[in-house]
Amino acid sequence: MNRVRLFLSLLLVSAVGQATAATATDHTTLFVQVIWGTDHEKPAGAKYRQIGPKLSAKLSPVFKWKYYWETERRKVHVAHDKVTRILLSQHRTLEIERLKSGDTEIRLTRRSGLVTKARQASSGRMVILGGEDSSKDSFFVVVRSDEPKALE
């Protein structure tokens, strides 16, 4: 778990890419991915997708998992004047709030309460939040401004 938090802290501190284009609309479009990190192959019948090369390049060097499966993907419109709540699988909720400063605060909660939160500068492109489901699996929630590309 400490390894996950260390990686997420380093990711937030480092420069993550190009600026997000400002729009004249009253909302921002973001993409949310729920990722399962595991040593297990894709379960039969599951509609999971292998993650794309950009996200794989961020996760694979840091974590031990053989596979990273995208279990869910959503396109979300975040209003500038209210908190956007997204109910995710397994009793997880993601809250995205555009702050007056232009930054975005992202909070990940479970039934037991807050798991983690992060702030993304308006110039940020990707935030990765996550934690361990067990000693054999991890989950990640990726919030990004660019549409993800999957291998499958």
N, C-alpha and C. Protein backbone atom coordinates (compact mmCIF):
# COMPACT_ATOMS: atom_id res chain seq x y z
N MET A 1 0.82 -1.19 0.00
CA MET A 1 0.00 0.00 0.00
C MET A 1 0.87 1.25 0.00
N ASN A 2 1.98 1.23 0.77
CA ASN A 2 2.88 2.38 0.80
C ASN A 2 3.49 2.62 -0.57
N ARG A 3 3.76 1.56 -1.29
CA ARG A 3 4.32 1.67 -2.63
C ARG A 3 3.34 2.37 -3.57
N VAL A 4 2.06 2.05 -3.42
CA VAL A 4 1.02 2.67 -4.23
C VAL A 4 0.96 4.16 -3.93
N ARG A 5 0.94 4.52 -2.66
CA ARG A 5 0.86 5.94 -2.27
C ARG A 5 2.10 6.71 -2.72
N LEU A 6 3.27 6.10 -2.61
CA LEU A 6 4.50 6.74 -3.05
C LEU A 6 4.46 7.02 -4.54
N PHE A 7 4.04 6.03 -5.31
CA PHE A 7 3.95 6.21 -6.75
C PHE A 7 2.97 7.32 -7.11
N LEU A 8 1.81 7.32 -6.47
CA LEU A 8 0.79 8.32 -6.78
C LEU A 8 1.28 9.71 -6.41
N SER A 9 1.99 9.83 -5.30
CA SER A 9 2.54 11.13 -4.91
C SER A 9 3.57 11.61 -5.92
N LEU A 10 4.45 10.70 -6.35
CA LEU A 10 5.46 11.07 -7.34
C LEU A 10 4.83 11.45 -8.67
N LEU A 11 3.78 10.73 -9.03
CA LEU A 11 3.10 11.02 -10.29
C LEU A 11 2.48 12.41 -10.26
N LEU A 12 1.90 12.77 -9.13
CA LEU A 12 1.26 14.08 -9.03
C LEU A 12 2.28 15.22 -9.01
N VAL A 13 3.44 14.97 -8.42
CA VAL A 13 4.47 15.99 -8.34
C VAL A 13 5.14 16.22 -9.69
N SER A 14 5.32 15.13 -10.46
CA SER A 14 6.00 15.25 -11.74
C SER A 14 5.11 15.90 -12.78
N ALA A 15 5.73 16.46 -13.77
CA ALA A 15 4.97 17.04 -14.88
C ALA A 15 4.42 15.91 -15.71
N VAL A 16 3.13 15.93 -16.00
CA VAL A 16 2.51 14.82 -16.68
C VAL A 16 2.11 15.11 -18.12
N GLY A 17 2.43 16.24 -18.64
CA GLY A 17 2.11 16.38 -20.06
C GLY A 17 1.66 17.75 -20.47
N GLN A 18 0.99 17.74 -21.58
CA GLN A 18 0.57 18.95 -22.26
C GLN A 18 -0.61 19.59 -21.56
N ALA A 19 -0.85 20.84 -21.87
CA ALA A 19 -1.97 21.57 -21.26
C ALA A 19 -3.30 21.13 -21.85
N THR A 20 -4.30 21.15 -21.00
CA THR A 20 -5.65 20.86 -21.45
C THR A 20 -6.20 22.11 -22.11
N ALA A 21 -6.80 21.95 -23.27
CA ALA A 21 -7.34 23.10 -23.98
C ALA A 21 -8.53 23.67 -23.22
N ALA A 22 -8.54 24.98 -23.07
CA ALA A 22 -9.65 25.64 -22.40
C ALA A 22 -10.82 25.72 -23.37
N THR A 23 -12.00 25.54 -22.83
CA THR A 23 -13.17 25.61 -23.67
C THR A 23 -14.08 26.74 -23.23
N ALA A 24 -14.94 27.16 -24.11
CA ALA A 24 -15.88 28.23 -23.80
C ALA A 24 -17.15 27.67 -23.17
N THR A 25 -17.23 26.35 -22.97
CA THR A 25 -18.41 25.74 -22.39
C THR A 25 -18.34 25.78 -20.88
N ASP A 26 -19.43 25.39 -20.23
CA ASP A 26 -19.48 25.40 -18.77
C ASP A 26 -19.14 24.05 -18.17
N HIS A 27 -18.52 23.16 -18.94
CA HIS A 27 -18.11 21.87 -18.41
C HIS A 27 -16.81 21.41 -19.08
N THR A 28 -16.18 20.43 -18.43
CA THR A 28 -14.97 19.81 -18.93
C THR A 28 -15.25 18.34 -19.16
N THR A 29 -14.77 17.79 -20.26
CA THR A 29 -14.94 16.37 -20.53
C THR A 29 -13.69 15.62 -20.07
N LEU A 30 -13.90 14.60 -19.24
CA LEU A 30 -12.83 13.76 -18.75
C LEU A 30 -13.19 12.30 -19.01
N PHE A 31 -12.18 11.45 -19.02
CA PHE A 31 -12.38 10.01 -19.20
C PHE A 31 -11.93 9.31 -17.93
N VAL A 32 -12.76 8.41 -17.43
CA VAL A 32 -12.49 7.67 -16.21
C VAL A 32 -12.35 6.20 -16.57
N GLN A 33 -11.26 5.58 -16.12
CA GLN A 33 -11.02 4.16 -16.34
C GLN A 33 -10.83 3.49 -14.98
N VAL A 34 -11.46 2.33 -14.80
CA VAL A 34 -11.21 1.50 -13.63
C VAL A 34 -10.31 0.37 -14.11
N ILE A 35 -9.15 0.23 -13.48
CA ILE A 35 -8.13 -0.73 -13.90
C ILE A 35 -7.92 -1.76 -12.80
N TRP A 36 -7.82 -3.01 -13.18
CA TRP A 36 -7.54 -4.11 -12.26
C TRP A 36 -6.13 -4.60 -12.54
N GLY A 37 -5.24 -4.47 -11.58
CA GLY A 37 -3.88 -4.99 -11.68
C GLY A 37 -3.82 -6.36 -11.05
N THR A 38 -3.37 -7.37 -11.81
CA THR A 38 -3.41 -8.75 -11.33
C THR A 38 -2.41 -9.62 -12.08
N ASP A 39 -2.17 -10.79 -11.55
CA ASP A 39 -1.36 -11.78 -12.26
C ASP A 39 -2.24 -12.78 -13.00
N HIS A 40 -3.55 -12.58 -12.95
CA HIS A 40 -4.51 -13.48 -13.59
C HIS A 40 -4.82 -13.03 -15.02
N GLU A 41 -4.97 -14.01 -15.90
CA GLU A 41 -5.41 -13.70 -17.25
C GLU A 41 -6.86 -13.25 -17.22
N LYS A 42 -7.32 -12.71 -18.33
CA LYS A 42 -8.69 -12.20 -18.40
C LYS A 42 -9.67 -13.34 -18.14
N PRO A 43 -10.60 -13.14 -17.21
CA PRO A 43 -11.59 -14.18 -16.93
C PRO A 43 -12.45 -14.47 -18.17
N ALA A 44 -12.79 -15.74 -18.35
CA ALA A 44 -13.61 -16.14 -19.49
C ALA A 44 -14.94 -15.39 -19.44
N GLY A 45 -15.33 -14.86 -20.57
CA GLY A 45 -16.60 -14.16 -20.68
C GLY A 45 -16.57 -12.71 -20.24
N ALA A 46 -15.52 -12.28 -19.58
CA ALA A 46 -15.44 -10.89 -19.13
C ALA A 46 -15.16 -9.97 -20.30
N LYS A 47 -15.73 -8.80 -20.26
CA LYS A 47 -15.54 -7.83 -21.35
C LYS A 47 -14.44 -6.83 -21.00
N TYR A 48 -13.45 -7.29 -20.25
CA TYR A 48 -12.33 -6.44 -19.89
C TYR A 48 -11.46 -6.20 -21.11
N ARG A 49 -10.77 -5.06 -21.09
CA ARG A 49 -9.83 -4.73 -22.16
C ARG A 49 -8.44 -4.55 -21.57
N GLN A 50 -7.45 -4.92 -22.35
CA GLN A 50 -6.07 -4.66 -21.94
C GLN A 50 -5.84 -3.15 -22.05
N ILE A 51 -5.10 -2.58 -21.11
CA ILE A 51 -4.87 -1.14 -21.15
C ILE A 51 -3.95 -0.77 -22.30
N GLY A 52 -4.00 0.47 -22.70
CA GLY A 52 -3.19 0.96 -23.81
C GLY A 52 -1.75 1.21 -23.42
N PRO A 53 -0.91 1.50 -24.40
CA PRO A 53 0.52 1.64 -24.16
C PRO A 53 0.90 2.83 -23.28
N LYS A 54 0.17 3.93 -23.35
CA LYS A 54 0.50 5.12 -22.57
C LYS A 54 0.33 4.85 -21.07
N LEU A 55 -0.78 4.25 -20.71
CA LEU A 55 -1.04 3.93 -19.30
C LEU A 55 -0.15 2.79 -18.83
N SER A 56 0.08 1.82 -19.68
CA SER A 56 0.96 0.70 -19.35
C SER A 56 2.37 1.19 -19.03
N ALA A 57 2.84 2.20 -19.76
CA ALA A 57 4.17 2.75 -19.53
C ALA A 57 4.28 3.41 -18.16
N LYS A 58 3.17 3.87 -17.61
CA LYS A 58 3.20 4.49 -16.28
C LYS A 58 3.08 3.45 -15.15
N LEU A 59 2.30 2.39 -15.39
CA LEU A 59 2.06 1.41 -14.32
C LEU A 59 3.08 0.28 -14.27
N SER A 60 3.42 -0.29 -15.42
CA SER A 60 4.26 -1.49 -15.47
C SER A 60 5.63 -1.35 -14.82
N PRO A 61 6.34 -0.25 -14.97
CA PRO A 61 7.66 -0.16 -14.33
C PRO A 61 7.60 -0.07 -12.81
N VAL A 62 6.45 0.31 -12.26
CA VAL A 62 6.35 0.56 -10.82
C VAL A 62 5.71 -0.60 -10.08
N PHE A 63 4.73 -1.25 -10.69
CA PHE A 63 3.98 -2.31 -10.01
C PHE A 63 4.33 -3.67 -10.58
N LYS A 64 4.06 -4.71 -9.80
CA LYS A 64 4.49 -6.06 -10.11
C LYS A 64 3.54 -6.86 -10.98
N TRP A 65 2.38 -6.35 -11.29
CA TRP A 65 1.35 -7.14 -11.95
C TRP A 65 1.71 -7.49 -13.39
N LYS A 66 1.34 -8.70 -13.80
CA LYS A 66 1.56 -9.14 -15.18
C LYS A 66 0.54 -8.51 -16.12
N TYR A 67 -0.67 -8.31 -15.60
CA TYR A 67 -1.77 -7.83 -16.44
C TYR A 67 -2.45 -6.61 -15.81
N TYR A 68 -2.89 -5.72 -16.66
CA TYR A 68 -3.69 -4.57 -16.26
C TYR A 68 -4.92 -4.56 -17.15
N TRP A 69 -6.07 -4.85 -16.54
CA TRP A 69 -7.32 -4.95 -17.29
C TRP A 69 -8.19 -3.74 -17.00
N GLU A 70 -8.69 -3.13 -18.05
CA GLU A 70 -9.67 -2.06 -17.89
C GLU A 70 -11.04 -2.73 -17.70
N THR A 71 -11.63 -2.54 -16.53
CA THR A 71 -12.91 -3.18 -16.24
C THR A 71 -14.09 -2.26 -16.53
N GLU A 72 -13.80 -0.96 -16.60
CA GLU A 72 -14.87 0.02 -16.83
C GLU A 72 -14.26 1.29 -17.41
N ARG A 73 -15.02 1.93 -18.30
CA ARG A 73 -14.60 3.21 -18.86
C ARG A 73 -15.82 4.11 -19.00
N ARG A 74 -15.64 5.36 -18.63
CA ARG A 74 -16.74 6.33 -18.73
C ARG A 74 -16.23 7.66 -19.26
N LYS A 75 -17.05 8.30 -20.04
CA LYS A 75 -16.83 9.67 -20.48
C LYS A 75 -17.70 10.53 -19.57
N VAL A 76 -17.08 11.50 -18.89
CA VAL A 76 -17.76 12.27 -17.86
C VAL A 76 -17.68 13.76 -18.19
N HIS A 77 -18.80 14.44 -18.06
CA HIS A 77 -18.83 15.89 -18.22
C HIS A 77 -18.89 16.50 -16.82
N VAL A 78 -17.86 17.26 -16.48
CA VAL A 78 -17.73 17.84 -15.15
C VAL A 78 -18.12 19.31 -15.22
N ALA A 79 -19.17 19.65 -14.50
CA ALA A 79 -19.62 21.05 -14.45
C ALA A 79 -18.65 21.85 -13.59
N HIS A 80 -18.50 23.12 -13.92
CA HIS A 80 -17.56 23.97 -13.19
C HIS A 80 -18.13 24.47 -11.86
N ASP A 81 -19.41 24.28 -11.63
CA ASP A 81 -20.02 24.86 -10.44
C ASP A 81 -20.56 23.84 -9.45
N LYS A 82 -20.28 22.52 -9.66
CA LYS A 82 -20.77 21.53 -8.71
C LYS A 82 -19.89 20.28 -8.73
N VAL A 83 -20.05 19.43 -7.72
CA VAL A 83 -19.30 18.18 -7.61
C VAL A 83 -19.99 17.14 -8.49
N THR A 84 -19.20 16.44 -9.29
CA THR A 84 -19.72 15.35 -10.11
C THR A 84 -19.40 14.04 -9.41
N ARG A 85 -20.43 13.24 -9.13
CA ARG A 85 -20.26 11.96 -8.44
C ARG A 85 -20.50 10.83 -9.43
N ILE A 86 -19.59 9.86 -9.42
CA ILE A 86 -19.68 8.71 -10.33
C ILE A 86 -19.62 7.45 -9.47
N LEU A 87 -20.68 6.65 -9.52
CA LEU A 87 -20.69 5.39 -8.81
C LEU A 87 -19.94 4.37 -9.65
N LEU A 88 -18.87 3.82 -9.09
CA LEU A 88 -18.06 2.83 -9.78
C LEU A 88 -18.38 1.45 -9.22
N SER A 89 -17.79 0.43 -9.82
CA SER A 89 -18.02 -0.94 -9.37
C SER A 89 -17.49 -1.15 -7.95
N GLN A 90 -17.99 -2.18 -7.31
CA GLN A 90 -17.55 -2.63 -5.98
C GLN A 90 -17.64 -1.52 -4.93
N HIS A 91 -18.71 -0.77 -4.95
CA HIS A 91 -19.01 0.21 -3.92
C HIS A 91 -17.99 1.35 -3.83
N ARG A 92 -17.39 1.68 -4.94
CA ARG A 92 -16.47 2.82 -5.00
C ARG A 92 -17.20 4.00 -5.63
N THR A 93 -16.90 5.19 -5.13
CA THR A 93 -17.46 6.40 -5.69
C THR A 93 -16.32 7.36 -6.00
N LEU A 94 -16.41 8.00 -7.13
CA LEU A 94 -15.43 9.00 -7.53
C LEU A 94 -16.13 10.35 -7.52
N GLU A 95 -15.51 11.34 -6.89
CA GLU A 95 -16.03 12.70 -6.89
C GLU A 95 -15.02 13.59 -7.59
N ILE A 96 -15.50 14.38 -8.52
CA ILE A 96 -14.64 15.29 -9.27
C ILE A 96 -15.20 16.70 -9.10
N GLU A 97 -14.34 17.60 -8.66
CA GLU A 97 -14.78 18.97 -8.42
C GLU A 97 -13.82 19.96 -9.07
N ARG A 98 -14.36 20.82 -9.90
CA ARG A 98 -13.56 21.91 -10.48
C ARG A 98 -13.52 23.04 -9.48
N LEU A 99 -12.33 23.42 -9.05
CA LEU A 99 -12.16 24.47 -8.05
C LEU A 99 -12.08 25.84 -8.71
N LYS A 100 -12.31 26.88 -7.94
CA LYS A 100 -12.26 28.25 -8.48
C LYS A 100 -10.89 28.58 -9.05
N SER A 101 -9.85 27.94 -8.53
CA SER A 101 -8.48 28.18 -9.01
C SER A 101 -8.25 27.62 -10.42
N GLY A 102 -9.19 26.78 -10.88
CA GLY A 102 -9.02 26.12 -12.17
C GLY A 102 -8.51 24.69 -12.02
N ASP A 103 -8.00 24.36 -10.83
CA ASP A 103 -7.55 23.00 -10.56
C ASP A 103 -8.77 22.08 -10.41
N THR A 104 -8.51 20.78 -10.47
CA THR A 104 -9.54 19.78 -10.28
C THR A 104 -9.17 18.93 -9.07
N GLU A 105 -10.11 18.75 -8.14
CA GLU A 105 -9.89 17.85 -7.01
C GLU A 105 -10.66 16.57 -7.28
N ILE A 106 -9.98 15.44 -7.08
CA ILE A 106 -10.56 14.13 -7.36
C ILE A 106 -10.47 13.32 -6.07
N ARG A 107 -11.63 12.79 -5.64
CA ARG A 107 -11.69 12.00 -4.39
C ARG A 107 -12.25 10.62 -4.72
N LEU A 108 -11.59 9.60 -4.19
CA LEU A 108 -12.02 8.22 -4.35
C LEU A 108 -12.46 7.69 -2.99
N THR A 109 -13.71 7.22 -2.89
CA THR A 109 -14.21 6.70 -1.63
C THR A 109 -14.71 5.27 -1.81
N ARG A 110 -14.73 4.54 -0.71
CA ARG A 110 -15.35 3.22 -0.62
C ARG A 110 -16.40 3.31 0.46
N ARG A 111 -17.06 2.21 0.72
CA ARG A 111 -18.08 2.21 1.77
C ARG A 111 -17.52 2.71 3.10
N SER A 112 -16.27 2.38 3.38
CA SER A 112 -15.65 2.75 4.66
C SER A 112 -15.19 4.20 4.70
N GLY A 113 -15.23 4.93 3.59
CA GLY A 113 -14.84 6.33 3.61
C GLY A 113 -13.81 6.65 2.53
N LEU A 114 -13.13 7.77 2.72
CA LEU A 114 -12.16 8.27 1.75
C LEU A 114 -10.99 7.31 1.62
N VAL A 115 -10.66 6.92 0.39
CA VAL A 115 -9.48 6.09 0.12
C VAL A 115 -8.30 6.99 -0.15
N THR A 116 -8.47 7.94 -1.07
CA THR A 116 -7.41 8.88 -1.41
C THR A 116 -8.00 10.04 -2.19
N LYS A 117 -7.24 11.13 -2.26
CA LYS A 117 -7.66 12.26 -3.08
C LYS A 117 -6.43 12.91 -3.68
N ALA A 118 -6.66 13.65 -4.75
CA ALA A 118 -5.55 14.32 -5.44
C ALA A 118 -6.07 15.60 -6.07
N ARG A 119 -5.15 16.51 -6.30
CA ARG A 119 -5.47 17.73 -7.03
C ARG A 119 -4.68 17.72 -8.32
N GLN A 120 -5.36 18.10 -9.38
CA GLN A 120 -4.72 18.16 -10.68
C GLN A 120 -4.74 19.60 -11.16
N ALA A 121 -3.58 20.10 -11.55
CA ALA A 121 -3.52 21.44 -12.12
C ALA A 121 -4.26 21.45 -13.43
N SER A 122 -4.71 22.62 -13.83
CA SER A 122 -5.46 22.73 -15.08
C SER A 122 -4.63 22.28 -16.28
N SER A 123 -3.31 22.24 -16.12
CA SER A 123 -2.45 21.80 -17.22
C SER A 123 -2.17 20.30 -17.17
N GLY A 124 -2.70 19.60 -16.15
CA GLY A 124 -2.45 18.16 -16.01
C GLY A 124 -3.29 17.36 -16.98
N ARG A 125 -2.78 16.18 -17.34
CA ARG A 125 -3.50 15.33 -18.28
C ARG A 125 -4.00 14.03 -17.67
N MET A 126 -3.37 13.56 -16.59
CA MET A 126 -3.75 12.25 -16.05
C MET A 126 -3.49 12.20 -14.55
N VAL A 127 -4.46 11.66 -13.81
CA VAL A 127 -4.29 11.40 -12.39
C VAL A 127 -4.63 9.93 -12.17
N ILE A 128 -3.80 9.25 -11.39
CA ILE A 128 -4.02 7.84 -11.08
C ILE A 128 -4.21 7.70 -9.58
N LEU A 129 -5.37 7.17 -9.18
CA LEU A 129 -5.68 6.91 -7.78
C LEU A 129 -5.84 5.42 -7.62
N GLY A 130 -5.53 4.88 -6.46
CA GLY A 130 -5.72 3.45 -6.32
C GLY A 130 -5.40 2.92 -4.96
N GLY A 131 -5.49 1.60 -4.87
CA GLY A 131 -5.21 0.90 -3.63
C GLY A 131 -5.28 -0.59 -3.85
N GLU A 132 -4.96 -1.33 -2.83
CA GLU A 132 -4.95 -2.78 -2.93
C GLU A 132 -6.32 -3.34 -2.61
N ASP A 133 -6.78 -4.30 -3.39
CA ASP A 133 -7.98 -5.05 -3.05
C ASP A 133 -7.59 -6.18 -2.10
N SER A 134 -6.44 -6.77 -2.35
CA SER A 134 -5.90 -7.84 -1.51
C SER A 134 -4.41 -7.89 -1.81
N SER A 135 -3.71 -8.86 -1.26
CA SER A 135 -2.29 -8.98 -1.56
C SER A 135 -2.06 -9.51 -2.97
N LYS A 136 -3.12 -9.95 -3.64
CA LYS A 136 -2.99 -10.53 -4.97
C LYS A 136 -3.53 -9.64 -6.08
N ASP A 137 -4.15 -8.52 -5.73
CA ASP A 137 -4.76 -7.65 -6.73
C ASP A 137 -4.69 -6.20 -6.27
N SER A 138 -4.74 -5.29 -7.24
CA SER A 138 -4.86 -3.86 -6.96
C SER A 138 -5.88 -3.27 -7.91
N PHE A 139 -6.44 -2.16 -7.52
CA PHE A 139 -7.30 -1.43 -8.44
C PHE A 139 -6.76 -0.02 -8.58
N PHE A 140 -7.01 0.56 -9.73
CA PHE A 140 -6.61 1.92 -10.02
C PHE A 140 -7.79 2.62 -10.68
N VAL A 141 -7.96 3.89 -10.39
CA VAL A 141 -8.92 4.71 -11.10
C VAL A 141 -8.11 5.80 -11.77
N VAL A 142 -8.23 5.88 -13.09
CA VAL A 142 -7.49 6.84 -13.89
C VAL A 142 -8.46 7.90 -14.38
N VAL A 143 -8.13 9.15 -14.14
CA VAL A 143 -8.92 10.27 -14.64
C VAL A 143 -8.01 11.04 -15.58
N ARG A 144 -8.45 11.19 -16.83
CA ARG A 144 -7.58 11.80 -17.84
C ARG A 144 -8.38 12.66 -18.79
N SER A 145 -7.68 13.59 -19.43
CA SER A 145 -8.34 14.49 -20.37
C SER A 145 -8.33 13.96 -21.80
N ASP A 146 -7.43 13.02 -22.09
CA ASP A 146 -7.38 12.45 -23.45
C ASP A 146 -8.07 11.09 -23.46
N GLU A 147 -8.72 10.78 -24.56
CA GLU A 147 -9.43 9.51 -24.65
C GLU A 147 -8.45 8.34 -24.69
N PRO A 148 -8.64 7.34 -23.83
CA PRO A 148 -7.70 6.22 -23.79
C PRO A 148 -7.76 5.37 -25.05
N LYS A 149 -6.62 4.80 -25.38
CA LYS A 149 -6.51 3.88 -26.51
C LYS A 149 -6.24 2.50 -25.95
N ALA A 150 -7.09 1.53 -26.26
CA ALA A 150 -6.91 0.16 -25.77
C ALA A 150 -6.24 -0.69 -26.83
N LEU A 151 -5.60 -1.75 -26.38
CA LEU A 151 -4.94 -2.68 -27.33
C LEU A 151 -5.95 -3.57 -28.00
N GLU A 152 -7.07 -3.86 -27.36
CA GLU A 152 -8.09 -4.71 -27.94
C GLU A 152 -9.24 -3.88 -28.46
